Amino acid sequence: MTPELAIADLDSQLARHGARVSVYRYTATTGDPRPKDEVANVPAFVRAVSADELVGNINQTAVNVVLSPTLLASLLPLKKGDKLLIDGKERNIELVKPISMQTTLVRINLVVIG
């Protein structure tokens, strides 16, 4: 499988079965509204963390999120402190786990809290 096919397969699954989230990064510490770079309507798999993942800052309110890099070029690389809007609630990215094939980013696994 090529990286392009892996991304296409993930995009297809996310489009059919995923939720919609917004991904953003604040660009200033203050403001009303606070300025940010945002990509809205991003397909994502959102699942509760498992019991064996409950360590450190990760608690029962945390969720695992799977994203494709397809729509996120303007925000990559995602990092701790970036935000997701899931079901109307702002959540903090706590852990970013990029997955690459042949040096090409094909998937982004996140743990988000809040």
Protein backbone atom coordinates (compact mmCIF):
# COMPACT_ATOMS: atom_id res chain seq x y z
CA MET A 1 0.00 0.00 0.00
CA THR A 2 1.27 3.48 -0.82
CA PRO A 3 0.93 6.48 1.49
CA GLU A 4 -1.54 8.04 -0.95
CA LEU A 5 -3.77 4.95 -0.82
CA ALA A 6 -3.57 4.83 2.98
CA ILE A 7 -4.72 8.46 3.17
CA ALA A 8 -7.50 7.85 0.63
CA ASP A 9 -8.75 4.82 2.60
CA LEU A 10 -8.75 6.79 5.85
CA ASP A 11 -10.50 9.75 4.21
CA SER A 12 -13.19 7.40 2.89
CA GLN A 13 -13.80 5.79 6.30
CA LEU A 14 -13.86 9.16 8.08
CA ALA A 15 -16.31 10.59 5.54
CA ARG A 16 -18.68 7.64 5.97
CA HIS A 17 -18.43 7.01 9.69
CA GLY A 18 -16.75 9.99 11.36
CA ALA A 19 -17.98 12.91 13.39
CA ARG A 20 -17.25 16.53 12.40
CA VAL A 21 -14.86 18.62 14.49
CA SER A 22 -13.06 21.94 14.21
CA VAL A 23 -9.31 22.08 14.69
CA TYR A 24 -7.66 25.35 15.64
CA ARG A 25 -4.71 27.16 17.14
CA TYR A 26 -5.04 30.48 18.93
CA THR A 27 -2.75 33.12 17.41
CA ALA A 28 -2.91 35.60 20.31
CA THR A 29 -3.33 35.38 24.06
CA THR A 30 -6.21 37.86 24.21
CA GLY A 31 -8.95 39.33 22.06
CA ASP A 32 -12.71 39.26 21.75
CA PRO A 33 -13.10 37.06 19.90
CA ARG A 34 -9.64 35.61 20.42
CA PRO A 35 -7.91 35.31 17.01
CA LYS A 36 -7.18 31.82 15.74
CA ASP A 37 -6.27 29.78 12.68
CA GLU A 38 -9.05 27.25 12.16
CA VAL A 39 -10.10 24.39 9.93
CA ALA A 40 -13.79 23.61 10.43
CA ASN A 41 -15.87 20.58 9.50
CA VAL A 42 -13.00 18.10 9.71
CA PRO A 43 -14.06 14.43 9.68
CA ALA A 44 -12.76 12.54 12.73
CA PHE A 45 -13.18 9.35 14.70
CA VAL A 46 -13.82 10.29 18.35
CA ARG A 47 -13.69 7.52 20.96
CA ALA A 48 -13.34 7.36 24.75
CA VAL A 49 -9.93 6.40 26.09
CA SER A 50 -9.54 2.89 27.43
CA ALA A 51 -8.82 2.11 31.08
CA ASP A 52 -5.16 1.29 30.37
CA GLU A 53 -4.66 4.80 28.92
CA LEU A 54 -5.64 6.58 32.16
CA VAL A 55 -2.23 7.87 33.29
CA GLY A 56 -0.82 11.30 34.15
CA ASN A 57 -3.10 14.08 32.87
CA ILE A 58 -5.24 11.58 30.95
CA ASN A 59 -8.50 10.97 32.83
CA GLN A 60 -11.95 9.57 32.09
CA THR A 61 -13.01 12.74 30.26
CA ALA A 62 -10.25 12.29 27.67
CA VAL A 63 -10.99 11.02 24.19
CA ASN A 64 -8.93 9.53 21.38
CA VAL A 65 -9.32 11.28 18.04
CA VAL A 66 -8.19 10.07 14.63
CA LEU A 67 -7.68 12.66 11.87
CA SER A 68 -6.47 12.58 8.30
CA PRO A 69 -3.85 15.14 7.27
CA THR A 70 -5.87 15.92 4.13
CA LEU A 71 -7.60 19.12 5.30
CA LEU A 72 -5.06 20.20 7.91
CA ALA A 73 -2.04 21.45 5.93
CA SER A 74 -2.38 24.99 7.31
CA LEU A 75 -2.14 23.73 10.92
CA LEU A 76 0.47 20.99 10.65
CA PRO A 77 2.22 19.91 12.66
CA LEU A 78 -0.46 19.75 15.33
CA LYS A 79 0.94 20.17 18.82
CA LYS A 80 0.01 20.00 22.48
CA GLY A 81 -2.13 23.03 23.31
CA ASP A 82 -3.92 23.19 19.96
CA LYS A 83 -7.70 22.88 20.25
CA LEU A 84 -10.54 20.74 18.94
CA LEU A 85 -14.20 21.68 19.06
CA ILE A 86 -16.13 18.44 19.60
CA ASP A 87 -19.91 18.56 20.01
CA GLY A 88 -19.73 22.27 20.82
CA LYS A 89 -17.09 21.84 23.55
CA GLU A 90 -13.52 23.13 23.28
CA ARG A 91 -10.96 20.47 24.15
CA ASN A 92 -7.18 20.65 24.47
CA ILE A 93 -4.82 18.47 22.49
CA GLU A 94 -2.71 16.71 25.09
CA LEU A 95 -0.82 14.18 22.98
CA VAL A 96 -0.12 14.04 19.24
CA LYS A 97 0.84 10.70 17.70
CA PRO A 98 1.57 11.15 13.98
CA ILE A 99 1.72 8.05 11.80
CA SER A 100 3.86 8.11 8.67
CA MET A 101 4.53 5.74 5.79
CA GLN A 102 7.69 6.25 3.77
CA THR A 103 8.15 9.69 5.41
CA THR A 104 4.61 10.78 4.42
CA LEU A 105 2.15 11.69 7.18
CA VAL A 106 -0.88 9.44 6.67
CA ARG A 107 -2.80 9.68 9.95
CA ILE A 108 -2.86 11.72 13.16
CA ASN A 109 -3.89 10.11 16.43
CA LEU A 110 -4.64 12.50 19.27
CA VAL A 111 -5.52 12.33 22.93
CA VAL A 112 -7.60 15.36 23.88
CA ILE A 113 -8.81 16.47 27.29
CA GLY A 114 -11.27 18.95 28.68
